[in-house]
């Protein structure tokens, strides 16, 4: 399985995260349909994600 670090908790599971050496990086984009109604959970996620990204710059 290939995944991103800290995407899921491996605590208490028979899983381990082993990073690539040398480190591999990728760009990511978050997209959604324009004018598509969103659930409250989706709205909160987009708000929190935006705040996180703005804090990283």
C-alpha atoms as a PDB file:
ATOM      1  CA  UNK A   1       0.000   0.000   0.000  1.00  0.00           C
ATOM      2  CA  UNK A   2       1.287   3.467  -0.852  1.00  0.00           C
ATOM      3  CA  UNK A   3       0.004   6.345   1.256  1.00  0.00           C
ATOM      4  CA  UNK A   4       0.906   9.726   2.724  1.00  0.00           C
ATOM      5  CA  UNK A   5       2.431   9.966   6.203  1.00  0.00           C
ATOM      6  CA  UNK A   6      -0.089  10.723   8.973  1.00  0.00           C
ATOM      7  CA  UNK A   7      -3.028  10.218   6.605  1.00  0.00           C
ATOM      8  CA  UNK A   8      -4.260   7.358   8.778  1.00  0.00           C
ATOM      9  CA  UNK A   9      -3.394   6.287  12.296  1.00  0.00           C
ATOM     10  CA  UNK A  10      -1.309   3.111  12.448  1.00  0.00           C
ATOM     11  CA  UNK A  11      -1.601   2.864  16.233  1.00  0.00           C
ATOM     12  CA  UNK A  12      -2.867  -0.527  17.342  1.00  0.00           C
ATOM     13  CA  UNK A  13      -2.784  -1.882  13.792  1.00  0.00           C
ATOM     14  CA  UNK A  14      -0.505  -4.224  11.932  1.00  0.00           C
ATOM     15  CA  UNK A  15       0.686  -1.320   9.749  1.00  0.00           C
ATOM     16  CA  UNK A  16       3.897   0.677   9.666  1.00  0.00           C
ATOM     17  CA  UNK A  17       4.878   3.785   7.693  1.00  0.00           C
ATOM     18  CA  UNK A  18       8.254   3.494   5.968  1.00  0.00           C
ATOM     19  CA  UNK A  19       9.332   6.668   4.134  1.00  0.00           C
ATOM     20  CA  UNK A  20      11.054   6.575   0.754  1.00  0.00           C
ATOM     21  CA  UNK A  21      14.761   7.252   0.726  1.00  0.00           C
ATOM     22  CA  UNK A  22      15.527   9.676  -0.821  1.00  0.00           C
ATOM     23  CA  UNK A  23      12.375  11.568   0.108  1.00  0.00           C
ATOM     24  CA  UNK A  24       9.780  11.874  -2.646  1.00  0.00           C
ATOM     25  CA  UNK A  25       7.455  14.882  -2.785  1.00  0.00           C
ATOM     26  CA  UNK A  26       4.354  15.622  -4.828  1.00  0.00           C
ATOM     27  CA  UNK A  27       2.136  18.636  -5.331  1.00  0.00           C
ATOM     28  CA  UNK A  28      -1.533  18.330  -4.444  1.00  0.00           C
ATOM     29  CA  UNK A  29      -4.670  20.176  -5.444  1.00  0.00           C
ATOM     30  CA  UNK A  30      -8.021  20.236  -3.660  1.00  0.00           C
ATOM     31  CA  UNK A  31     -10.901  20.679  -6.115  1.00  0.00           C
ATOM     32  CA  UNK A  32     -14.678  20.570  -6.010  1.00  0.00           C
ATOM     33  CA  UNK A  33     -17.548  21.423  -8.325  1.00  0.00           C
ATOM     34  CA  UNK A  34     -18.378  25.098  -8.509  1.00  0.00           C
ATOM     35  CA  UNK A  35     -21.819  26.007  -7.114  1.00  0.00           C
ATOM     36  CA  UNK A  36     -22.266  22.472  -5.770  1.00  0.00           C
ATOM     37  CA  UNK A  37     -24.091  22.472  -2.416  1.00  0.00           C
ATOM     38  CA  UNK A  38     -21.775  21.255   0.350  1.00  0.00           C
ATOM     39  CA  UNK A  39     -22.551  19.558   3.617  1.00  0.00           C
ATOM     40  CA  UNK A  40     -21.630  21.402   6.820  1.00  0.00           C
ATOM     41  CA  UNK A  41     -18.807  18.891   7.311  1.00  0.00           C
ATOM     42  CA  UNK A  42     -17.409  19.627   3.830  1.00  0.00           C
ATOM     43  CA  UNK A  43     -17.637  23.395   4.448  1.00  0.00           C
ATOM     44  CA  UNK A  44     -15.755  23.032   7.744  1.00  0.00           C
ATOM     45  CA  UNK A  45     -13.116  20.845   6.093  1.00  0.00           C
ATOM     46  CA  UNK A  46     -12.509  23.380   3.308  1.00  0.00           C
ATOM     47  CA  UNK A  47     -12.306  26.219   5.862  1.00  0.00           C
ATOM     48  CA  UNK A  48      -9.870  24.302   8.083  1.00  0.00           C
ATOM     49  CA  UNK A  49      -7.771  23.168   5.127  1.00  0.00           C
ATOM     50  CA  UNK A  50      -7.590  26.738   3.785  1.00  0.00           C
ATOM     51  CA  UNK A  51      -6.510  28.057   7.185  1.00  0.00           C
ATOM     52  CA  UNK A  52      -3.857  25.327   7.418  1.00  0.00           C
ATOM     53  CA  UNK A  53      -2.490  26.087   3.957  1.00  0.00           C
ATOM     54  CA  UNK A  54      -2.425  29.837   4.587  1.00  0.00           C
ATOM     55  CA  UNK A  55      -0.486  29.169   7.804  1.00  0.00           C
ATOM     56  CA  UNK A  56       2.127  27.124   5.896  1.00  0.00           C
ATOM     57  CA  UNK A  57       3.037  29.929   3.487  1.00  0.00           C
END
